[in-house]
Each structure stands twice: as C-alpha cells, then as structure tokens.
C-alpha cells in the first residue's frame, strides 16, 4: 500500500461508569488507502465505536487512546476541536444507519444539505441551493426541486438514506465512514443505494470504511475486510477471499448465514473462546 490516507495503531475505547470499565475497542490497528475497507462483526463487536472514535464523536464517558491516529499526517487525537469541526464533513464524513435519527425533523431536507455545504465553503444561499439540487440529482432522486422542500418525515427510508449520502458527500470528503447505511432498507433499495454510493466514491476518489454485519454484502462491495470480535480485529482478509477465511470466528459467522444451495434445519452458532478476548489465538 502506498502512503495511507488514514493510519490507526493500537486504538482503544473504554467506557467508564457504574463502577466498572467497559473495554469496547481493544488495540485496533489498520491503514486505509484508496480502497473500500469493510469492518464486520456481531452487534457489540466494536465496529461503530471504532468509526466514531476516528471522527472524535465518542461520548464524554468514553476514553479514547491510540499510539497513532493520523489523517494525512495530522494527529486526530491531539487536534483542537476547532480543527476537528473543519475535518468533519469536509475531509472525513460519516453516513449513519437511519436517516430518521440523523436528519433534523423540523428543517427541510434540502436546507440541511445546503447547510452542510455552506459550513465548509464560502457560498451564498442560492449557490448552496444549486449545489444541493445537483447533489440530489447525483444520488438519483427524481424531481430534486420537490424533494428539496420536503421535511424528513415526507421521504421514504430509501430516499432518506440517499439524502444522507448527498449531505455527507456534498463537500467531497477524502474519507467516508458508512455505518450500517443500508440495514434498514429492503434488498432492492439496498442495492440501489450501494450502487449510488459506489458511483460517488469512484467519481470523487474517496476512501471508504464500510461498517456492516452483512458478510455477503461486504464480500461483494468492499476490497478488504477486517473482522472484529469483542473489540478486537481477529482477522484481515481480501474481500474476494472472505469465503476462505481461516479464523474460527470468521468461519462461524459465515456458517451462520442461510444458503439457498445448502439448506439446513438449524444454522450454526459462531464459536467464542476466552483467549480471543486477550488477543491470543488471532489469525
């Protein structure tokens, strides 16, 4: 890999509260180049907390530490909050899981996209509006003028996710973190949204971190995959080789998926071993 745009070494996220410490992310390390990197694992494996830590969006009760957390040579852990506000959205953007909880219900969707653009660019309201309309068109929304003036409750789930993609990508960030962006959508709409996301990532040359629990989806969509278990990366594999993964936990996840060509009465349950929590026995 050439010089990575994002370099992470020994990332840890600990939550302090109620008389105990929850170690949500344990020593995660990876480099991100010009690629689509998938992060997969069960709920609670630390996928989303890893993405939020990269954006410095962890809650106040979380303590985030890392040996290195560099974006294009800039230490994100030591960056001032003023600098992080510039980086978020313009350089690193995050597409969240459900637009119902990400869009302001009282502001029209087009205004929210325009505001995202004006936050990072000197532009008049009219210029930002035209940019937002063009972005709505680029995410394959018919009649952008009409959709621009809708409130969030007036758009469907698939359209809302396209609006989120438009809002996050309008400033053409260098890194996009997509956290379960299609999990609330049906299969047909999911494929449409992924196709749009892939098209925009390819056009802008952005790097993508795609967080998901859907192994088949990640295998088809990404270039490389990190498999997380209990906050740790237990395996790294090329997406095309995910079906031949060696770690027993990854094999367990694959075996737990229903298959039309090999139906079974009862799906396998992924195996869990205590030594994986301590970082031993990792592939």
Protein backbone atom coordinates (compact mmCIF):
# COMPACT_ATOMS: atom_id res chain seq x y z
CA UNK A 1 0.00 0.00 0.00
CA UNK A 2 1.22 3.50 -0.85
CA UNK A 3 1.14 6.18 1.83
CA UNK A 4 -2.17 5.60 3.65
CA UNK A 5 -4.65 8.44 3.98
CA UNK A 6 -5.60 7.17 7.46
CA UNK A 7 -3.32 5.26 9.82
CA UNK A 8 -4.56 3.69 13.07
CA UNK A 9 -2.37 1.94 15.65
CA UNK A 10 -3.49 0.41 18.94
CA UNK A 11 -6.83 2.22 19.12
CA UNK A 12 -8.66 1.65 22.41
CA UNK A 13 -12.06 2.91 23.57
CA UNK A 14 -13.02 2.44 27.22
CA UNK A 15 -16.30 3.48 28.81
CA UNK A 16 -16.14 4.48 32.47
CA UNK A 17 -19.28 4.31 34.57
CA UNK A 18 -21.36 2.46 37.16
CA UNK A 19 -18.25 1.33 39.00
CA UNK A 20 -16.75 -0.55 36.07
CA UNK A 21 -14.85 -0.06 32.82
CA UNK A 22 -16.14 -1.47 29.53
CA UNK A 23 -13.36 -2.00 27.00
CA UNK A 24 -15.31 -1.56 23.75
CA UNK A 25 -12.39 -1.31 21.28
CA UNK A 26 -9.19 -3.22 22.04
CA UNK A 27 -5.94 -2.44 20.23
CA UNK A 28 -7.36 -1.97 16.74
CA UNK A 29 -4.76 -1.21 14.06
CA UNK A 30 -5.12 -0.72 10.30
CA UNK A 31 -4.15 1.53 7.40
CA UNK A 32 -6.64 2.89 4.90
CA UNK A 33 -5.56 3.55 1.34
CA UNK A 34 -7.60 4.41 -1.74
CA UNK A 35 -9.97 1.49 -1.23
CA UNK A 36 -13.24 0.27 0.21
CA UNK A 37 -12.48 -1.29 3.60
CA UNK A 38 -15.19 -3.36 5.27
CA UNK A 39 -15.46 -3.84 9.04
CA UNK A 40 -17.73 -6.70 10.06
CA UNK A 41 -18.75 -8.46 13.25
CA UNK A 42 -21.68 -9.10 15.56
CA UNK A 43 -23.57 -6.35 17.36
CA UNK A 44 -21.35 -5.13 20.20
CA UNK A 45 -18.11 -6.12 18.48
CA UNK A 46 -16.84 -2.51 18.43
CA UNK A 47 -17.42 -1.68 14.77
CA UNK A 48 -19.40 1.51 15.25
CA UNK A 49 -17.32 2.66 18.22
CA UNK A 50 -14.23 2.38 16.02
CA UNK A 51 -15.84 4.60 13.40
CA UNK A 52 -16.96 7.18 15.95
CA UNK A 53 -13.52 7.27 17.57
CA UNK A 54 -11.97 8.14 14.20
CA UNK A 55 -14.31 11.13 14.00
CA UNK A 56 -13.78 12.09 17.66
CA UNK A 57 -17.51 11.57 18.22
CA UNK A 58 -17.29 9.23 21.21
CA UNK A 59 -19.47 10.25 24.18
CA UNK A 60 -17.90 12.11 27.15
CA UNK A 61 -17.80 8.95 29.29
CA UNK A 62 -15.52 7.27 26.75
CA UNK A 63 -11.75 7.43 26.97
CA UNK A 64 -10.10 7.08 23.56
CA UNK A 65 -6.37 6.32 23.32
CA UNK A 66 -4.12 5.30 20.44
CA UNK A 67 -0.46 5.03 19.62
CA UNK A 68 -1.28 6.67 16.31
CA UNK A 69 -4.45 8.10 14.80
CA UNK A 70 -3.26 10.06 11.79
CA UNK A 71 -5.21 11.52 8.90
CA UNK A 72 -2.91 12.72 6.12
CA UNK A 73 -0.15 13.33 8.67
CA UNK A 74 -2.39 15.10 11.21
CA UNK A 75 -2.81 13.61 14.68
CA UNK A 76 -6.57 13.43 15.17
CA UNK A 77 -6.30 12.71 18.90
CA UNK A 78 -4.37 15.91 19.53
CA UNK A 79 -6.23 18.12 17.06
CA UNK A 80 -8.13 21.04 18.59
CA UNK A 81 -11.92 20.78 18.47
CA UNK A 82 -11.95 23.78 16.09
CA UNK A 83 -9.78 21.78 13.67
CA UNK A 84 -11.97 18.70 14.09
CA UNK A 85 -15.06 20.72 13.13
CA UNK A 86 -13.28 21.59 9.89
CA UNK A 87 -12.20 18.00 9.29
CA UNK A 88 -15.64 16.52 9.98
CA UNK A 89 -17.72 16.75 6.85
CA UNK A 90 -15.09 18.35 4.65
CA UNK A 91 -12.33 15.74 4.97
CA UNK A 92 -13.97 12.83 6.82
CA UNK A 93 -17.72 12.24 6.62
CA UNK A 94 -19.93 9.69 8.35
CA UNK A 95 -23.13 8.22 6.91
CA UNK A 96 -25.24 6.90 9.78
CA UNK A 97 -27.61 3.96 9.91
CA UNK A 98 -31.06 5.53 9.95
CA UNK A 99 -31.88 8.96 8.49
CA UNK A 100 -34.86 9.28 10.87
CA UNK A 101 -32.40 9.81 13.71
CA UNK A 102 -29.82 11.82 11.74
CA UNK A 103 -31.91 14.44 9.96
CA UNK A 104 -33.46 17.36 11.83
CA UNK A 105 -37.24 16.71 11.64
CA UNK A 106 -38.04 20.43 11.66
CA UNK A 107 -35.80 21.51 8.75
CA UNK A 108 -36.42 20.74 5.09
CA UNK A 109 -34.01 18.17 3.71
CA UNK A 110 -32.65 20.47 1.01
CA UNK A 111 -31.83 23.15 3.56
CA UNK A 112 -29.90 20.59 5.60
CA UNK A 113 -27.83 19.62 2.56
CA UNK A 114 -27.22 23.29 1.72
CA UNK A 115 -26.16 24.00 5.29
CA UNK A 116 -23.65 21.13 5.16
CA UNK A 117 -22.11 22.73 2.08
CA UNK A 118 -22.04 26.29 3.47
CA UNK A 119 -20.41 25.06 6.68
CA UNK A 120 -17.23 24.30 4.73
CA UNK A 121 -17.44 26.62 1.71
CA UNK A 122 -17.97 30.30 1.18
CA UNK A 123 -21.20 30.29 -0.78
CA UNK A 124 -24.42 32.24 -0.95
CA UNK A 125 -27.71 30.57 -0.11
CA UNK A 126 -28.57 30.41 -3.82
CA UNK A 127 -25.22 28.85 -4.71
CA UNK A 128 -25.62 26.28 -1.92
CA UNK A 129 -29.15 25.53 -3.08
CA UNK A 130 -27.99 24.85 -6.64
CA UNK A 131 -25.18 22.65 -5.32
CA UNK A 132 -27.67 20.73 -3.15
CA UNK A 133 -30.07 20.24 -6.06
CA UNK A 134 -27.23 18.91 -8.21
CA UNK A 135 -26.23 16.55 -5.40
CA UNK A 136 -29.80 15.28 -5.03
CA UNK A 137 -29.81 14.57 -8.75
CA UNK A 138 -26.47 12.76 -8.48
CA UNK A 139 -27.96 10.34 -5.92
CA UNK A 140 -30.69 9.53 -8.47
CA UNK A 141 -33.57 11.37 -6.79
CA UNK A 142 -36.28 12.27 -9.26
CA UNK A 143 -37.63 15.80 -9.14
CA UNK A 144 -34.93 17.27 -6.83
CA UNK A 145 -36.82 20.60 -6.63
CA UNK A 146 -39.77 18.89 -4.97
CA UNK A 147 -37.67 16.73 -2.64
CA UNK A 148 -35.56 19.75 -1.62
CA UNK A 149 -38.60 21.29 0.09
CA UNK A 150 -39.78 18.14 1.89
CA UNK A 151 -39.46 17.62 5.62
CA UNK A 152 -37.71 14.36 6.67
CA UNK A 153 -40.99 12.63 7.54
CA UNK A 154 -42.11 13.12 3.94
CA UNK A 155 -39.39 10.92 2.42
CA UNK A 156 -39.19 7.13 2.35
CA UNK A 157 -36.40 5.16 4.01
CA UNK A 158 -34.51 4.67 0.76
CA UNK A 159 -34.90 8.31 -0.25
CA UNK A 160 -33.89 9.44 3.24
CA UNK A 161 -30.69 7.41 3.00
CA UNK A 162 -29.95 9.00 -0.38
CA UNK A 163 -30.48 12.41 1.21
CA UNK A 164 -27.98 11.44 3.93
CA UNK A 165 -25.45 10.36 1.32
CA UNK A 166 -25.95 13.63 -0.55
CA UNK A 167 -25.47 15.66 2.63
CA UNK A 168 -22.32 13.79 3.66
CA UNK A 169 -20.72 13.79 0.21
CA UNK A 170 -21.57 17.31 -0.94
CA UNK A 171 -18.18 18.59 0.26
CA UNK A 172 -16.38 15.66 -1.43
CA UNK A 173 -14.61 14.30 1.67
CA UNK A 174 -11.42 12.24 1.36
CA UNK A 175 -12.68 9.52 3.73
CA UNK A 176 -16.26 8.28 4.11
CA UNK A 177 -17.31 6.16 7.09
CA UNK A 178 -20.59 4.39 6.30
CA UNK A 179 -22.06 2.84 9.47
CA UNK A 180 -24.69 0.25 8.51
CA UNK A 181 -26.05 2.61 5.85
CA UNK A 182 -28.44 0.06 4.31
CA UNK A 183 -29.52 -2.16 7.22
CA UNK A 184 -32.97 -0.52 7.50
CA UNK A 185 -33.71 -0.93 3.78
CA UNK A 186 -35.20 -3.77 1.78
CA UNK A 187 -32.95 -5.76 -0.54
CA UNK A 188 -33.86 -3.95 -3.76
CA UNK A 189 -33.43 -0.45 -2.34
CA UNK A 190 -30.25 -1.58 -0.54
CA UNK A 191 -28.62 -2.49 -3.84
CA UNK A 192 -29.68 0.81 -5.39
CA UNK A 193 -28.21 2.82 -2.51
CA UNK A 194 -24.96 0.83 -2.59
CA UNK A 195 -24.68 1.35 -6.33
CA UNK A 196 -25.08 5.11 -5.84
CA UNK A 197 -22.53 5.15 -3.02
CA UNK A 198 -20.06 3.16 -5.13
CA UNK A 199 -20.58 5.50 -8.08
CA UNK A 200 -19.93 8.61 -5.97
CA UNK A 201 -16.89 7.11 -4.21
CA UNK A 202 -15.40 6.14 -7.57
CA UNK A 203 -16.08 9.56 -9.08
CA UNK A 204 -14.59 11.54 -6.19
CA UNK A 205 -11.70 9.15 -5.48
CA UNK A 206 -12.66 8.94 -1.80
CA UNK A 207 -11.65 6.12 0.53
CA UNK A 208 -14.48 4.24 2.22
CA UNK A 209 -14.84 2.44 5.55
CA UNK A 210 -17.99 0.33 5.31
CA UNK A 211 -19.28 -0.95 8.67
CA UNK A 212 -21.74 -3.82 8.46
CA UNK A 213 -22.85 -7.14 9.91
CA UNK A 214 -23.75 -8.46 6.45
CA UNK A 215 -20.79 -10.57 5.32
CA UNK A 216 -22.21 -11.33 1.87
CA UNK A 217 -22.78 -7.64 1.22
CA UNK A 218 -19.26 -6.70 2.32
CA UNK A 219 -17.70 -9.51 0.25
CA UNK A 220 -19.41 -8.14 -2.88
CA UNK A 221 -18.91 -4.43 -2.19
CA UNK A 222 -15.52 -4.00 -0.50
CA UNK A 223 -11.87 -4.60 -1.39
CA UNK A 224 -10.62 -5.68 2.04
CA UNK A 225 -12.30 -6.80 5.26
CA UNK A 226 -11.49 -6.53 8.97
CA UNK A 227 -13.38 -8.99 11.17
CA UNK A 228 -13.98 -7.79 14.74
CA UNK A 229 -14.81 -9.82 17.83
CA UNK A 230 -15.31 -8.27 21.30
CA UNK A 231 -13.49 -5.08 20.29
CA UNK A 232 -10.54 -6.79 18.58
CA UNK A 233 -9.64 -7.37 14.96
CA UNK A 234 -9.32 -11.14 14.75
CA UNK A 235 -8.74 -11.41 11.01
CA UNK A 236 -7.91 -9.31 7.96
CA UNK A 237 -8.67 -10.76 4.54
CA UNK A 238 -9.22 -9.67 0.95
CA UNK A 239 -12.97 -9.37 0.36
CA UNK A 240 -12.83 -11.80 -2.56
CA UNK A 241 -11.29 -14.40 -0.20
CA UNK A 242 -13.73 -13.92 2.67
CA UNK A 243 -15.30 -17.30 1.99
CA UNK A 244 -11.90 -18.94 2.63
CA UNK A 245 -11.23 -17.09 5.92
CA UNK A 246 -9.16 -19.11 8.40
CA UNK A 247 -10.10 -17.77 11.80
CA UNK A 248 -12.72 -19.96 13.52
CA UNK A 249 -14.80 -16.92 14.49
CA UNK A 250 -14.99 -15.71 10.87
CA UNK A 251 -15.81 -19.24 9.77
CA UNK A 252 -18.55 -19.32 12.40
CA UNK A 253 -20.06 -16.09 11.07
CA UNK A 254 -20.01 -17.46 7.53
CA UNK A 255 -21.57 -20.76 8.62
CA UNK A 256 -24.36 -18.93 10.44
CA UNK A 257 -25.61 -17.44 7.15
CA UNK A 258 -28.52 -19.20 5.43
CA UNK A 259 -27.67 -20.58 1.98
CA UNK A 260 -30.12 -21.45 -0.78
CA UNK A 261 -27.74 -24.05 -2.23
CA UNK A 262 -27.19 -25.82 1.10
CA UNK A 263 -30.31 -25.59 3.32
CA UNK A 264 -30.03 -26.84 6.90
CA UNK A 265 -32.55 -27.42 9.68
CA UNK A 266 -30.58 -25.30 12.16
CA UNK A 267 -27.98 -22.62 11.48
CA UNK A 268 -24.60 -22.83 13.18
CA UNK A 269 -23.84 -20.58 16.16
CA UNK A 270 -20.44 -18.79 15.97
CA UNK A 271 -17.89 -20.17 18.41
CA UNK A 272 -16.43 -17.92 21.11
CA UNK A 273 -13.22 -18.59 23.00
CA UNK A 274 -11.90 -16.77 26.11
CA UNK A 275 -8.38 -16.43 24.66
CA UNK A 276 -9.69 -14.23 21.85
CA UNK A 277 -10.55 -11.55 24.44
CA UNK A 278 -6.88 -11.42 25.45
CA UNK A 279 -5.60 -11.08 21.92
CA UNK A 280 -4.23 -14.60 21.67
CA UNK A 281 -5.14 -17.16 19.06
CA UNK A 282 -5.76 -14.43 16.47
CA UNK A 283 -5.16 -15.09 12.81
